[in-house]
N, C-alpha and C. Protein backbone atom coordinates (compact mmCIF):
# COMPACT_ATOMS: atom_id res chain seq x y z
N MET A 1 0.85 -1.19 0.00
CA MET A 1 0.00 0.00 0.00
C MET A 1 0.88 1.24 0.00
N PRO A 2 0.63 2.23 -0.88
CA PRO A 2 1.45 3.43 -0.92
C PRO A 2 1.24 4.27 0.32
N PRO A 3 2.21 5.13 0.69
CA PRO A 3 2.04 5.98 1.85
C PRO A 3 0.91 6.97 1.65
N LEU A 4 0.35 7.44 2.77
CA LEU A 4 -0.70 8.44 2.69
C LEU A 4 -0.14 9.71 2.07
N PRO A 5 -0.99 10.52 1.37
CA PRO A 5 -0.49 11.73 0.70
C PRO A 5 0.29 12.65 1.62
N ALA A 6 -0.15 12.81 2.88
CA ALA A 6 0.55 13.68 3.81
C ALA A 6 1.94 13.16 4.16
N HIS A 7 2.19 11.87 3.91
CA HIS A 7 3.46 11.24 4.23
C HIS A 7 4.30 10.99 2.99
N SER A 8 3.95 11.57 1.86
CA SER A 8 4.68 11.37 0.61
C SER A 8 5.58 12.56 0.32
N PRO A 9 6.69 12.35 -0.40
CA PRO A 9 7.52 13.49 -0.81
C PRO A 9 6.73 14.46 -1.68
N ARG A 10 7.15 15.72 -1.67
CA ARG A 10 6.48 16.71 -2.52
C ARG A 10 6.74 16.44 -4.00
N LYS A 11 7.92 15.91 -4.29
CA LYS A 11 8.25 15.63 -5.69
C LYS A 11 9.23 14.47 -5.75
N VAL A 12 9.22 13.79 -6.86
CA VAL A 12 10.17 12.71 -7.11
C VAL A 12 11.35 13.30 -7.88
N PRO A 13 12.55 13.29 -7.30
CA PRO A 13 13.69 13.90 -7.99
C PRO A 13 14.07 13.14 -9.25
N ARG A 14 14.23 13.86 -10.34
CA ARG A 14 14.58 13.24 -11.62
C ARG A 14 16.00 13.59 -12.05
N GLN A 15 16.48 14.77 -11.68
CA GLN A 15 17.83 15.15 -12.04
C GLN A 15 18.81 14.64 -10.99
N GLU A 16 20.04 14.43 -11.42
CA GLU A 16 21.06 13.89 -10.52
C GLU A 16 21.26 14.78 -9.30
N ARG A 17 21.26 16.08 -9.50
CA ARG A 17 21.46 17.00 -8.38
C ARG A 17 20.33 16.87 -7.36
N SER A 18 19.11 16.76 -7.85
CA SER A 18 17.97 16.61 -6.94
C SER A 18 18.03 15.28 -6.21
N ARG A 19 18.44 14.23 -6.90
CA ARG A 19 18.55 12.93 -6.24
C ARG A 19 19.61 12.96 -5.14
N ARG A 20 20.72 13.66 -5.40
CA ARG A 20 21.76 13.77 -4.37
C ARG A 20 21.25 14.55 -3.16
N THR A 21 20.48 15.59 -3.42
CA THR A 21 19.91 16.36 -2.31
C THR A 21 18.94 15.53 -1.50
N MET A 22 18.12 14.75 -2.18
CA MET A 22 17.20 13.86 -1.48
C MET A 22 17.96 12.88 -0.59
N GLU A 23 19.04 12.30 -1.12
CA GLU A 23 19.84 11.36 -0.33
C GLU A 23 20.48 12.06 0.86
N ARG A 24 20.92 13.31 0.69
CA ARG A 24 21.48 14.06 1.81
C ARG A 24 20.45 14.22 2.91
N ILE A 25 19.23 14.53 2.54
CA ILE A 25 18.17 14.70 3.53
C ILE A 25 17.92 13.39 4.26
N LEU A 26 17.84 12.29 3.52
CA LEU A 26 17.55 11.00 4.15
C LEU A 26 18.72 10.54 5.02
N ASP A 27 19.96 10.77 4.56
CA ASP A 27 21.12 10.43 5.39
C ASP A 27 21.11 11.23 6.69
N ALA A 28 20.83 12.52 6.57
CA ALA A 28 20.79 13.38 7.74
C ALA A 28 19.66 12.97 8.68
N ALA A 29 18.51 12.67 8.12
CA ALA A 29 17.38 12.26 8.95
C ALA A 29 17.68 10.95 9.68
N THR A 30 18.37 10.04 9.02
CA THR A 30 18.74 8.78 9.66
C THR A 30 19.65 9.04 10.85
N ARG A 31 20.62 9.94 10.69
CA ARG A 31 21.52 10.26 11.80
C ARG A 31 20.76 10.93 12.95
N VAL A 32 19.90 11.88 12.63
CA VAL A 32 19.17 12.60 13.68
C VAL A 32 18.21 11.65 14.41
N LEU A 33 17.54 10.77 13.67
CA LEU A 33 16.66 9.80 14.31
C LEU A 33 17.45 8.88 15.24
N ALA A 34 18.65 8.48 14.81
CA ALA A 34 19.47 7.61 15.64
C ALA A 34 19.94 8.32 16.91
N GLU A 35 20.24 9.60 16.80
CA GLU A 35 20.77 10.35 17.94
C GLU A 35 19.68 10.85 18.88
N ARG A 36 18.54 11.25 18.34
CA ARG A 36 17.53 11.94 19.15
C ARG A 36 16.19 11.23 19.18
N GLY A 37 16.02 10.18 18.40
CA GLY A 37 14.73 9.51 18.37
C GLY A 37 13.71 10.29 17.56
N TYR A 38 12.52 9.71 17.44
CA TYR A 38 11.49 10.34 16.62
C TYR A 38 11.11 11.72 17.15
N ASP A 39 10.85 11.82 18.45
CA ASP A 39 10.36 13.09 19.01
C ASP A 39 11.39 14.20 18.89
N GLY A 40 12.68 13.86 18.94
CA GLY A 40 13.71 14.89 18.85
C GLY A 40 14.16 15.20 17.44
N ALA A 41 13.62 14.49 16.46
CA ALA A 41 14.04 14.68 15.06
C ALA A 41 13.16 15.72 14.39
N SER A 42 13.39 16.97 14.69
CA SER A 42 12.61 18.05 14.07
C SER A 42 13.11 18.31 12.66
N THR A 43 12.27 18.95 11.85
CA THR A 43 12.71 19.30 10.50
C THR A 43 13.87 20.30 10.55
N ASN A 44 13.89 21.17 11.55
CA ASN A 44 15.00 22.11 11.68
C ASN A 44 16.32 21.37 11.88
N ARG A 45 16.31 20.36 12.75
CA ARG A 45 17.53 19.61 13.01
C ARG A 45 17.94 18.79 11.78
N ILE A 46 16.98 18.23 11.10
CA ILE A 46 17.29 17.45 9.91
C ILE A 46 17.88 18.35 8.82
N ALA A 47 17.27 19.52 8.61
CA ALA A 47 17.78 20.45 7.61
C ALA A 47 19.20 20.88 7.95
N ALA A 48 19.45 21.19 9.23
CA ALA A 48 20.79 21.62 9.64
C ALA A 48 21.80 20.50 9.43
N ALA A 49 21.42 19.27 9.77
CA ALA A 49 22.33 18.14 9.60
C ALA A 49 22.63 17.88 8.13
N ALA A 50 21.68 18.20 7.26
CA ALA A 50 21.87 18.02 5.82
C ALA A 50 22.57 19.21 5.18
N GLY A 51 22.79 20.28 5.94
CA GLY A 51 23.42 21.48 5.38
C GLY A 51 22.51 22.23 4.44
N LEU A 52 21.19 22.21 4.73
CA LEU A 52 20.20 22.87 3.90
C LEU A 52 19.37 23.84 4.73
N SER A 53 18.74 24.76 4.05
CA SER A 53 17.78 25.63 4.72
C SER A 53 16.46 24.87 4.87
N ASN A 54 15.62 25.36 5.80
CA ASN A 54 14.30 24.74 5.95
C ASN A 54 13.52 24.83 4.64
N GLY A 55 13.64 25.95 3.95
CA GLY A 55 12.92 26.12 2.69
C GLY A 55 13.32 25.08 1.66
N SER A 56 14.63 24.79 1.59
CA SER A 56 15.09 23.78 0.64
C SER A 56 14.55 22.40 1.01
N LEU A 57 14.53 22.09 2.31
CA LEU A 57 14.01 20.79 2.74
C LEU A 57 12.54 20.65 2.38
N TYR A 58 11.77 21.73 2.59
CA TYR A 58 10.33 21.66 2.32
C TYR A 58 10.01 21.59 0.83
N GLN A 59 10.99 21.84 -0.01
CA GLN A 59 10.77 21.62 -1.44
C GLN A 59 10.64 20.12 -1.74
N TYR A 60 11.20 19.30 -0.87
CA TYR A 60 11.19 17.86 -1.09
C TYR A 60 10.17 17.12 -0.21
N PHE A 61 9.99 17.58 1.02
CA PHE A 61 9.09 16.90 1.95
C PHE A 61 8.17 17.91 2.63
N PRO A 62 6.89 17.57 2.78
CA PRO A 62 5.95 18.52 3.39
C PRO A 62 6.05 18.59 4.90
N ASN A 63 6.60 17.53 5.55
CA ASN A 63 6.64 17.52 7.01
C ASN A 63 7.61 16.44 7.48
N LYS A 64 7.79 16.37 8.79
CA LYS A 64 8.72 15.38 9.35
C LYS A 64 8.28 13.96 9.07
N ASP A 65 6.99 13.70 9.21
CA ASP A 65 6.53 12.32 9.02
C ASP A 65 6.81 11.81 7.62
N ALA A 66 6.73 12.68 6.63
CA ALA A 66 7.05 12.28 5.26
C ALA A 66 8.52 11.89 5.14
N ILE A 67 9.38 12.59 5.86
CA ILE A 67 10.81 12.24 5.85
C ILE A 67 11.02 10.89 6.53
N VAL A 68 10.36 10.70 7.67
CA VAL A 68 10.51 9.44 8.40
C VAL A 68 10.03 8.27 7.55
N VAL A 69 8.91 8.44 6.87
CA VAL A 69 8.40 7.37 6.00
C VAL A 69 9.43 7.04 4.92
N ALA A 70 10.04 8.06 4.32
CA ALA A 70 11.05 7.82 3.28
C ALA A 70 12.27 7.10 3.84
N VAL A 71 12.69 7.49 5.06
CA VAL A 71 13.82 6.83 5.70
C VAL A 71 13.51 5.36 5.95
N LEU A 72 12.29 5.08 6.43
CA LEU A 72 11.93 3.70 6.74
C LEU A 72 11.73 2.87 5.47
N ASP A 73 11.24 3.50 4.41
CA ASP A 73 11.15 2.79 3.13
C ASP A 73 12.55 2.38 2.65
N ARG A 74 13.49 3.30 2.76
CA ARG A 74 14.86 2.99 2.36
C ARG A 74 15.46 1.91 3.26
N PHE A 75 15.12 1.96 4.54
CA PHE A 75 15.55 0.94 5.49
C PHE A 75 15.03 -0.43 5.09
N ALA A 76 13.76 -0.50 4.69
CA ALA A 76 13.17 -1.77 4.25
C ALA A 76 13.86 -2.29 3.00
N ASP A 77 14.18 -1.39 2.07
CA ASP A 77 14.90 -1.80 0.85
C ASP A 77 16.26 -2.39 1.21
N HIS A 78 16.93 -1.75 2.17
CA HIS A 78 18.25 -2.22 2.61
C HIS A 78 18.15 -3.62 3.22
N LEU A 79 17.17 -3.82 4.10
CA LEU A 79 17.01 -5.13 4.72
C LEU A 79 16.66 -6.19 3.68
N ALA A 80 15.79 -5.84 2.74
CA ALA A 80 15.39 -6.79 1.70
C ALA A 80 16.59 -7.21 0.86
N GLU A 81 17.45 -6.25 0.52
CA GLU A 81 18.63 -6.57 -0.29
C GLU A 81 19.59 -7.48 0.48
N ARG A 82 19.83 -7.14 1.75
CA ARG A 82 20.77 -7.94 2.54
C ARG A 82 20.20 -9.34 2.81
N LEU A 83 18.92 -9.40 3.17
CA LEU A 83 18.33 -10.71 3.46
C LEU A 83 18.18 -11.56 2.20
N GLY A 84 18.02 -10.89 1.05
CA GLY A 84 17.92 -11.64 -0.19
C GLY A 84 19.15 -12.49 -0.44
N ALA A 85 20.32 -11.93 -0.17
CA ALA A 85 21.57 -12.69 -0.34
C ALA A 85 21.64 -13.84 0.65
N GLU A 86 21.18 -13.59 1.89
CA GLU A 86 21.18 -14.65 2.90
C GLU A 86 20.21 -15.77 2.52
N ILE A 87 19.07 -15.38 1.97
CA ILE A 87 18.06 -16.37 1.57
C ILE A 87 18.61 -17.29 0.49
N GLU A 88 19.27 -16.72 -0.52
CA GLU A 88 19.82 -17.52 -1.60
C GLU A 88 20.85 -18.52 -1.07
N ALA A 89 21.67 -18.08 -0.14
CA ALA A 89 22.69 -18.98 0.41
C ALA A 89 22.05 -20.07 1.26
N ALA A 90 21.03 -19.70 2.04
CA ALA A 90 20.41 -20.66 2.97
C ALA A 90 19.64 -21.75 2.24
N MET A 91 19.09 -21.43 1.08
CA MET A 91 18.27 -22.41 0.37
C MET A 91 19.07 -23.63 -0.08
N SER A 92 20.39 -23.50 -0.19
CA SER A 92 21.22 -24.62 -0.63
C SER A 92 21.75 -25.43 0.54
N GLU A 93 21.42 -25.04 1.76
CA GLU A 93 21.91 -25.73 2.95
C GLU A 93 20.86 -26.67 3.51
N PRO A 94 21.25 -27.66 4.32
CA PRO A 94 20.27 -28.47 5.04
C PRO A 94 19.35 -27.56 5.85
N TRP A 95 18.09 -28.00 6.06
CA TRP A 95 17.10 -27.08 6.61
C TRP A 95 17.47 -26.54 7.98
N GLN A 96 18.09 -27.36 8.84
CA GLN A 96 18.45 -26.85 10.16
C GLN A 96 19.57 -25.83 10.07
N THR A 97 20.58 -26.12 9.23
CA THR A 97 21.70 -25.19 9.06
C THR A 97 21.22 -23.90 8.39
N GLY A 98 20.44 -24.04 7.32
CA GLY A 98 19.94 -22.86 6.63
C GLY A 98 19.03 -22.03 7.50
N GLY A 99 18.18 -22.69 8.28
CA GLY A 99 17.29 -21.95 9.17
C GLY A 99 18.05 -21.17 10.21
N ARG A 100 19.09 -21.76 10.78
CA ARG A 100 19.88 -21.03 11.76
C ARG A 100 20.60 -19.85 11.12
N SER A 101 21.10 -20.03 9.91
CA SER A 101 21.78 -18.94 9.21
C SER A 101 20.85 -17.75 9.02
N LEU A 102 19.59 -18.02 8.69
CA LEU A 102 18.64 -16.93 8.50
C LEU A 102 18.30 -16.25 9.81
N LEU A 103 18.18 -17.02 10.88
CA LEU A 103 17.94 -16.42 12.19
C LEU A 103 19.10 -15.50 12.57
N GLU A 104 20.32 -15.99 12.37
CA GLU A 104 21.49 -15.20 12.71
C GLU A 104 21.55 -13.92 11.89
N ALA A 105 21.24 -14.04 10.59
CA ALA A 105 21.28 -12.86 9.71
C ALA A 105 20.22 -11.85 10.10
N GLN A 106 19.02 -12.32 10.42
CA GLN A 106 17.95 -11.40 10.79
C GLN A 106 18.30 -10.63 12.06
N ILE A 107 18.77 -11.32 13.08
CA ILE A 107 19.11 -10.64 14.33
C ILE A 107 20.28 -9.69 14.13
N ARG A 108 21.28 -10.13 13.36
CA ARG A 108 22.44 -9.26 13.12
C ARG A 108 22.04 -7.98 12.40
N LEU A 109 21.20 -8.09 11.38
CA LEU A 109 20.77 -6.90 10.64
C LEU A 109 19.94 -5.97 11.53
N LEU A 110 19.11 -6.53 12.38
CA LEU A 110 18.34 -5.69 13.30
C LEU A 110 19.26 -5.00 14.30
N GLU A 111 20.28 -5.70 14.76
CA GLU A 111 21.24 -5.09 15.69
C GLU A 111 21.97 -3.94 15.02
N GLU A 112 22.34 -4.11 13.77
CA GLU A 112 23.06 -3.06 13.05
C GLU A 112 22.19 -1.82 12.82
N ASN A 113 20.88 -2.00 12.88
CA ASN A 113 19.95 -0.90 12.62
C ASN A 113 18.98 -0.71 13.78
N ALA A 114 19.49 -0.88 15.01
CA ALA A 114 18.62 -0.86 16.19
C ALA A 114 17.89 0.47 16.35
N ASP A 115 18.53 1.58 16.03
CA ASP A 115 17.88 2.88 16.21
C ASP A 115 16.68 3.04 15.29
N LEU A 116 16.83 2.64 14.03
CA LEU A 116 15.70 2.71 13.12
C LEU A 116 14.64 1.69 13.49
N LEU A 117 15.06 0.53 13.98
CA LEU A 117 14.09 -0.47 14.41
C LEU A 117 13.22 0.08 15.52
N ARG A 118 13.79 0.83 16.44
CA ARG A 118 13.00 1.43 17.52
C ARG A 118 11.96 2.39 16.97
N VAL A 119 12.33 3.17 15.97
CA VAL A 119 11.36 4.07 15.34
C VAL A 119 10.24 3.27 14.70
N VAL A 120 10.59 2.17 14.02
CA VAL A 120 9.58 1.32 13.39
C VAL A 120 8.59 0.81 14.43
N VAL A 121 9.11 0.27 15.52
CA VAL A 121 8.27 -0.36 16.54
C VAL A 121 7.41 0.67 17.26
N GLU A 122 7.99 1.81 17.57
CA GLU A 122 7.29 2.78 18.41
C GLU A 122 6.41 3.73 17.63
N HIS A 123 6.70 3.99 16.35
CA HIS A 123 5.98 5.06 15.66
C HIS A 123 5.28 4.65 14.37
N VAL A 124 5.64 3.51 13.78
CA VAL A 124 4.95 3.09 12.56
C VAL A 124 3.45 2.96 12.77
N PRO A 125 2.97 2.38 13.90
CA PRO A 125 1.51 2.25 14.04
C PRO A 125 0.76 3.56 13.92
N ARG A 126 1.33 4.67 14.36
CA ARG A 126 0.61 5.94 14.28
C ARG A 126 0.86 6.69 12.98
N LEU A 127 1.87 6.25 12.24
CA LEU A 127 2.15 6.91 10.96
C LEU A 127 1.38 6.30 9.80
N GLY A 128 0.91 5.05 9.96
CA GLY A 128 0.13 4.45 8.89
C GLY A 128 0.85 3.26 8.27
N PRO A 129 0.26 2.66 7.24
CA PRO A 129 0.81 1.44 6.65
C PRO A 129 2.09 1.71 5.86
N PHE A 130 3.00 0.72 5.88
CA PHE A 130 4.25 0.81 5.13
C PHE A 130 4.32 -0.40 4.21
N GLY A 131 4.07 -0.17 2.94
CA GLY A 131 4.01 -1.27 1.98
C GLY A 131 5.31 -2.05 1.90
N LYS A 132 6.45 -1.38 1.96
CA LYS A 132 7.72 -2.08 1.79
C LYS A 132 8.03 -2.96 3.00
N LEU A 133 7.71 -2.48 4.19
CA LEU A 133 7.91 -3.30 5.38
C LEU A 133 6.99 -4.51 5.36
N ASP A 134 5.75 -4.30 4.94
CA ASP A 134 4.82 -5.42 4.82
C ASP A 134 5.31 -6.43 3.79
N ALA A 135 5.85 -5.92 2.68
CA ALA A 135 6.37 -6.82 1.64
C ALA A 135 7.57 -7.62 2.14
N LEU A 136 8.41 -6.99 2.97
CA LEU A 136 9.56 -7.69 3.53
C LEU A 136 9.10 -8.80 4.46
N ARG A 137 8.12 -8.52 5.31
CA ARG A 137 7.59 -9.56 6.20
C ARG A 137 6.99 -10.71 5.40
N GLN A 138 6.30 -10.38 4.31
CA GLN A 138 5.70 -11.42 3.48
C GLN A 138 6.77 -12.27 2.80
N ARG A 139 7.86 -11.64 2.40
CA ARG A 139 8.95 -12.38 1.76
C ARG A 139 9.56 -13.39 2.73
N LEU A 140 9.75 -12.98 3.97
CA LEU A 140 10.28 -13.90 4.97
C LEU A 140 9.30 -15.03 5.26
N ALA A 141 8.00 -14.68 5.34
CA ALA A 141 6.99 -15.71 5.57
C ALA A 141 6.95 -16.71 4.42
N ASP A 142 7.10 -16.23 3.19
CA ASP A 142 7.12 -17.12 2.03
C ASP A 142 8.30 -18.08 2.10
N LEU A 143 9.45 -17.58 2.56
CA LEU A 143 10.62 -18.43 2.69
C LEU A 143 10.36 -19.54 3.70
N VAL A 144 9.79 -19.19 4.85
CA VAL A 144 9.49 -20.19 5.87
C VAL A 144 8.53 -21.24 5.31
N ARG A 145 7.53 -20.79 4.55
CA ARG A 145 6.58 -21.74 3.95
C ARG A 145 7.30 -22.72 3.02
N ILE A 146 8.22 -22.21 2.20
CA ILE A 146 8.96 -23.09 1.29
C ILE A 146 9.76 -24.12 2.08
N TYR A 147 10.43 -23.67 3.14
CA TYR A 147 11.20 -24.59 3.98
C TYR A 147 10.30 -25.67 4.56
N LEU A 148 9.14 -25.27 5.05
CA LEU A 148 8.23 -26.24 5.67
C LEU A 148 7.72 -27.25 4.66
N LEU A 149 7.37 -26.78 3.47
CA LEU A 149 6.82 -27.68 2.46
C LEU A 149 7.89 -28.61 1.90
N LEU A 150 9.09 -28.09 1.67
CA LEU A 150 10.16 -28.92 1.10
C LEU A 150 10.66 -29.98 2.09
N ASN A 151 10.54 -29.72 3.37
CA ASN A 151 11.11 -30.61 4.38
C ASN A 151 10.07 -31.23 5.29
N ARG A 152 8.80 -31.21 4.87
CA ARG A 152 7.75 -31.64 5.78
C ARG A 152 7.86 -33.12 6.16
N ASP A 153 8.52 -33.95 5.31
CA ASP A 153 8.68 -35.36 5.65
C ASP A 153 9.61 -35.56 6.84
N ARG A 154 10.39 -34.51 7.19
CA ARG A 154 11.28 -34.59 8.34
C ARG A 154 10.66 -34.03 9.61
N PHE A 155 9.47 -33.47 9.48
CA PHE A 155 8.83 -32.86 10.64
C PHE A 155 7.83 -33.82 11.27
N ARG A 156 7.34 -33.46 12.43
CA ARG A 156 6.41 -34.34 13.14
C ARG A 156 5.15 -34.56 12.31
N PRO A 157 4.58 -35.76 12.39
CA PRO A 157 3.37 -36.06 11.62
C PRO A 157 2.23 -35.11 12.00
N GLY A 158 1.47 -34.72 10.98
CA GLY A 158 0.30 -33.89 11.23
C GLY A 158 0.61 -32.42 11.43
N LEU A 159 1.86 -31.99 11.15
CA LEU A 159 2.19 -30.58 11.32
C LEU A 159 1.31 -29.73 10.41
N ASP A 160 0.60 -28.78 10.97
CA ASP A 160 -0.24 -27.85 10.23
C ASP A 160 0.67 -26.74 9.70
N VAL A 161 0.94 -26.76 8.39
CA VAL A 161 1.91 -25.82 7.82
C VAL A 161 1.46 -24.38 8.01
N ASP A 162 0.18 -24.09 7.80
CA ASP A 162 -0.29 -22.72 7.95
C ASP A 162 -0.16 -22.23 9.39
N ALA A 163 -0.53 -23.09 10.33
CA ALA A 163 -0.40 -22.72 11.74
C ALA A 163 1.07 -22.55 12.13
N ALA A 164 1.90 -23.50 11.67
CA ALA A 164 3.32 -23.43 11.99
C ALA A 164 3.96 -22.18 11.39
N LEU A 165 3.54 -21.83 10.17
CA LEU A 165 4.08 -20.64 9.52
C LEU A 165 3.83 -19.39 10.36
N TRP A 166 2.60 -19.24 10.82
CA TRP A 166 2.26 -18.05 11.61
C TRP A 166 3.00 -18.06 12.94
N ILE A 167 3.03 -19.20 13.61
CA ILE A 167 3.68 -19.29 14.91
C ILE A 167 5.17 -19.02 14.81
N ILE A 168 5.82 -19.59 13.81
CA ILE A 168 7.26 -19.40 13.66
C ILE A 168 7.61 -17.96 13.32
N THR A 169 6.92 -17.39 12.32
CA THR A 169 7.27 -16.02 11.91
C THR A 169 7.00 -15.01 13.01
N GLU A 170 5.88 -15.18 13.72
CA GLU A 170 5.57 -14.25 14.80
C GLU A 170 6.53 -14.43 15.98
N THR A 171 6.83 -15.68 16.32
CA THR A 171 7.75 -15.93 17.44
C THR A 171 9.13 -15.38 17.15
N VAL A 172 9.66 -15.70 15.97
CA VAL A 172 10.99 -15.22 15.62
C VAL A 172 11.01 -13.70 15.53
N GLY A 173 10.02 -13.12 14.86
CA GLY A 173 9.99 -11.67 14.69
C GLY A 173 9.93 -10.94 16.01
N GLN A 174 9.01 -11.34 16.88
CA GLN A 174 8.83 -10.63 18.15
C GLN A 174 10.03 -10.82 19.07
N LEU A 175 10.55 -12.05 19.17
CA LEU A 175 11.69 -12.29 20.04
C LEU A 175 12.94 -11.57 19.54
N ALA A 176 13.14 -11.55 18.23
CA ALA A 176 14.30 -10.86 17.67
C ALA A 176 14.23 -9.37 17.95
N ILE A 177 13.06 -8.79 17.77
CA ILE A 177 12.89 -7.35 18.02
C ILE A 177 13.12 -7.02 19.49
N ARG A 178 12.50 -7.80 20.38
CA ARG A 178 12.66 -7.51 21.81
C ARG A 178 14.11 -7.72 22.26
N TYR A 179 14.78 -8.71 21.67
CA TYR A 179 16.18 -8.94 22.02
C TYR A 179 17.03 -7.73 21.64
N VAL A 180 16.82 -7.21 20.45
CA VAL A 180 17.63 -6.09 19.98
C VAL A 180 17.32 -4.81 20.76
N LEU A 181 16.05 -4.56 21.06
CA LEU A 181 15.67 -3.32 21.72
C LEU A 181 15.88 -3.37 23.23
N ASP A 182 15.64 -4.52 23.85
CA ASP A 182 15.74 -4.61 25.31
C ASP A 182 17.14 -4.95 25.80
N ARG A 183 17.96 -5.53 24.94
CA ARG A 183 19.33 -5.91 25.25
C ARG A 183 19.45 -6.72 26.53
N PRO A 184 18.81 -7.89 26.61
CA PRO A 184 18.98 -8.76 27.78
C PRO A 184 20.41 -9.29 27.82
N PRO A 185 20.86 -9.79 28.98
CA PRO A 185 22.25 -10.26 29.11
C PRO A 185 22.44 -11.64 28.46
N ILE A 186 22.17 -11.73 27.18
CA ILE A 186 22.32 -12.97 26.43
C ILE A 186 23.24 -12.69 25.24
N PRO A 187 24.37 -13.37 25.12
CA PRO A 187 25.25 -13.13 23.97
C PRO A 187 24.52 -13.44 22.66
N HIS A 188 24.98 -12.79 21.60
CA HIS A 188 24.34 -12.92 20.29
C HIS A 188 24.25 -14.38 19.85
N ASP A 189 25.37 -15.10 19.89
CA ASP A 189 25.36 -16.49 19.42
C ASP A 189 24.46 -17.36 20.27
N ARG A 190 24.43 -17.12 21.58
CA ARG A 190 23.55 -17.90 22.45
C ARG A 190 22.09 -17.63 22.11
N MET A 191 21.76 -16.38 21.82
CA MET A 191 20.38 -16.05 21.46
C MET A 191 19.98 -16.79 20.18
N VAL A 192 20.86 -16.80 19.18
CA VAL A 192 20.56 -17.49 17.93
C VAL A 192 20.40 -18.98 18.17
N ASP A 193 21.31 -19.56 18.96
CA ASP A 193 21.25 -21.00 19.23
C ASP A 193 19.95 -21.37 19.95
N GLU A 194 19.57 -20.59 20.96
CA GLU A 194 18.38 -20.90 21.73
C GLU A 194 17.11 -20.75 20.87
N LEU A 195 17.09 -19.72 20.05
CA LEU A 195 15.92 -19.51 19.20
C LEU A 195 15.82 -20.61 18.15
N ALA A 196 16.96 -21.00 17.58
CA ALA A 196 16.95 -22.09 16.59
C ALA A 196 16.48 -23.39 17.24
N GLU A 197 16.95 -23.68 18.45
CA GLU A 197 16.54 -24.89 19.14
C GLU A 197 15.04 -24.87 19.45
N LEU A 198 14.53 -23.71 19.81
CA LEU A 198 13.10 -23.57 20.08
C LEU A 198 12.27 -23.96 18.86
N ILE A 199 12.68 -23.44 17.69
CA ILE A 199 11.93 -23.73 16.47
C ILE A 199 12.11 -25.19 16.05
N ILE A 200 13.32 -25.70 16.16
CA ILE A 200 13.59 -27.08 15.75
C ILE A 200 12.77 -28.05 16.60
N ARG A 201 12.73 -27.82 17.90
CA ARG A 201 11.97 -28.71 18.78
C ARG A 201 10.47 -28.64 18.47
N TYR A 202 10.03 -27.51 17.99
CA TYR A 202 8.61 -27.37 17.67
C TYR A 202 8.22 -28.16 16.43
N ILE A 203 9.11 -28.23 15.44
CA ILE A 203 8.68 -28.80 14.15
C ILE A 203 9.31 -30.16 13.83
N ARG A 204 10.35 -30.59 14.55
CA ARG A 204 11.04 -31.79 14.12
C ARG A 204 10.21 -33.05 14.36
N SER A 205 10.57 -34.12 13.66
CA SER A 205 9.76 -35.33 13.69
C SER A 205 10.03 -36.19 14.91
N GLU A 206 11.28 -36.23 15.38
CA GLU A 206 11.57 -37.09 16.52
C GLU A 206 11.14 -36.39 17.81
N PRO A 207 10.67 -37.15 18.80
CA PRO A 207 10.23 -36.53 20.03
C PRO A 207 11.40 -35.93 20.80
N ALA A 208 11.12 -34.84 21.51
CA ALA A 208 12.16 -34.22 22.33
C ALA A 208 12.51 -35.15 23.48
N PRO A 209 13.80 -35.21 23.91
CA PRO A 209 14.19 -36.08 25.02
C PRO A 209 13.59 -35.61 26.32
């Protein structure tokens, strides 16, 4: 779903100079959001960080929320590109190894972008729908479905693929987000190992000891 009109850029830059200016604004907004959070990221601070006047900034964006939406759209594109490479590599691995690799990649990417993740979690609900973030979640869900269908003969009899898909994606997503934002005293590798074991025990065919 496209962003609401109030959250859209005023214009789509077509010339190279305009595209560079747009990137400067988004780079600056990303830094300000990371340093001050959503509430402290005023358009004045973003313009100053970008080395632009407020008037120049408003030629591209009507308000702060439109800038934040553009930053988060770019963030989703970045995650999709990085996870795409991980997905291709994982598909050629045994399901347990490939699944752990994807868990590790997802948590690592969220850790690298923890400040933007906090903005997503805390402010996306009030800003409206984000098509690219929804598409990224769907892409990950589709991958899990493929894994389940391709390897279902190794899983416990009677596994409901649709139910398992929802439970796995929601469990992994929520636990990964809370781990990155809350920073519990659990090392990264231990978190990945424990989460992988949780999922494996849920779907594997042999009974747990």
